[in-house]
Amino acid sequence: MSAIEDKDFKLKVSTAGDVIPENVQIHYNDEAYYLQQLSPGQFEFVFTQPKEDIEFTLSANNVSSKPYFLKVT
């Protein structure tokens, strides 16, 4: 996925499976933030004006995702 430098990037996440998490966290730059829940199983997070590439993971209910990469151009 890619974003434009200094322009907000909205990440939308949908969960799959029988158990729907109440919250999801994103981890990047040695920090953790909660995603905003839009509806059950639907979440979003805004990267505010990214300036450089970002590698991140998502986690919920003690399960972590593979690493994802946001390319900033």
Protein backbone atom coordinates (compact mmCIF):
# COMPACT_ATOMS: atom_id res chain seq x y z
CA MET A 1 0.00 0.00 0.00
CA SER A 2 1.16 3.51 -0.61
CA ALA A 3 0.54 7.01 0.71
CA ILE A 4 1.44 10.51 -0.43
CA GLU A 5 3.90 12.41 1.75
CA ASP A 6 2.26 14.96 4.08
CA LYS A 7 -1.25 13.75 3.17
CA ASP A 8 -3.29 11.80 5.75
CA PHE A 9 -3.64 8.09 4.95
CA LYS A 10 -6.70 6.22 6.23
CA LEU A 11 -6.15 2.52 6.93
CA LYS A 12 -9.37 0.47 7.02
CA VAL A 13 -9.33 -2.97 8.63
CA SER A 14 -11.90 -5.76 8.61
CA THR A 15 -11.60 -8.76 10.91
CA ALA A 16 -12.51 -12.32 9.93
CA GLY A 17 -13.54 -15.30 12.04
CA ASP A 18 -16.08 -16.25 14.67
CA VAL A 19 -14.74 -13.97 17.43
CA ILE A 20 -15.11 -10.25 16.72
CA PRO A 21 -12.58 -8.18 18.71
CA GLU A 22 -13.74 -5.18 20.71
CA ASN A 23 -10.58 -3.30 19.79
CA VAL A 24 -7.58 -3.56 17.51
CA GLN A 25 -4.13 -2.05 18.03
CA ILE A 26 -1.59 -0.90 15.49
CA HIS A 27 2.12 -1.07 16.36
CA TYR A 28 4.76 1.07 14.65
CA ASN A 29 7.79 3.16 15.61
CA ASP A 30 7.88 1.33 18.97
CA GLU A 31 4.42 2.71 19.85
CA ALA A 32 0.94 1.17 20.03
CA TYR A 33 -2.34 2.91 19.19
CA TYR A 34 -5.97 1.79 19.19
CA LEU A 35 -7.92 1.84 15.94
CA GLN A 36 -11.32 3.52 15.87
CA GLN A 37 -14.19 1.03 15.64
CA LEU A 38 -16.62 1.89 12.84
CA SER A 39 -18.91 -1.12 13.33
CA PRO A 40 -18.46 -4.67 14.69
CA GLY A 41 -15.38 -6.07 12.96
CA GLN A 42 -14.64 -2.82 11.07
CA PHE A 43 -11.87 -0.47 12.23
CA GLU A 44 -9.82 2.43 10.90
CA PHE A 45 -6.66 4.33 11.73
CA VAL A 46 -5.33 7.56 10.24
CA PHE A 47 -1.62 8.01 9.66
CA THR A 48 -1.35 11.79 10.01
CA GLN A 49 0.80 13.36 7.30
CA PRO A 50 3.37 10.54 7.00
CA LYS A 51 6.81 11.67 5.92
CA GLU A 52 8.62 8.33 5.58
CA ASP A 53 7.83 4.66 4.96
CA ILE A 54 6.14 2.88 7.87
CA GLU A 55 6.28 -0.80 8.80
CA PHE A 56 3.46 -1.85 11.12
CA THR A 57 1.59 -4.80 12.59
CA LEU A 58 -1.95 -5.13 13.90
CA SER A 59 -3.08 -7.07 16.96
CA ALA A 60 -6.32 -8.09 18.65
CA ASN A 61 -7.24 -10.76 21.20
CA ASN A 62 -3.57 -11.81 21.62
CA VAL A 63 -3.19 -12.44 17.88
CA SER A 64 -0.72 -10.42 15.82
CA SER A 65 -0.68 -9.88 12.07
CA LYS A 66 2.23 -10.24 9.71
CA PRO A 67 4.21 -7.03 9.14
CA TYR A 68 2.69 -4.60 6.64
CA PHE A 69 4.49 -1.79 4.84
CA LEU A 70 3.16 1.68 3.97
CA LYS A 71 5.28 3.22 1.20
CA VAL A 72 5.33 7.03 1.31
CA THR A 73 6.04 8.81 -1.95
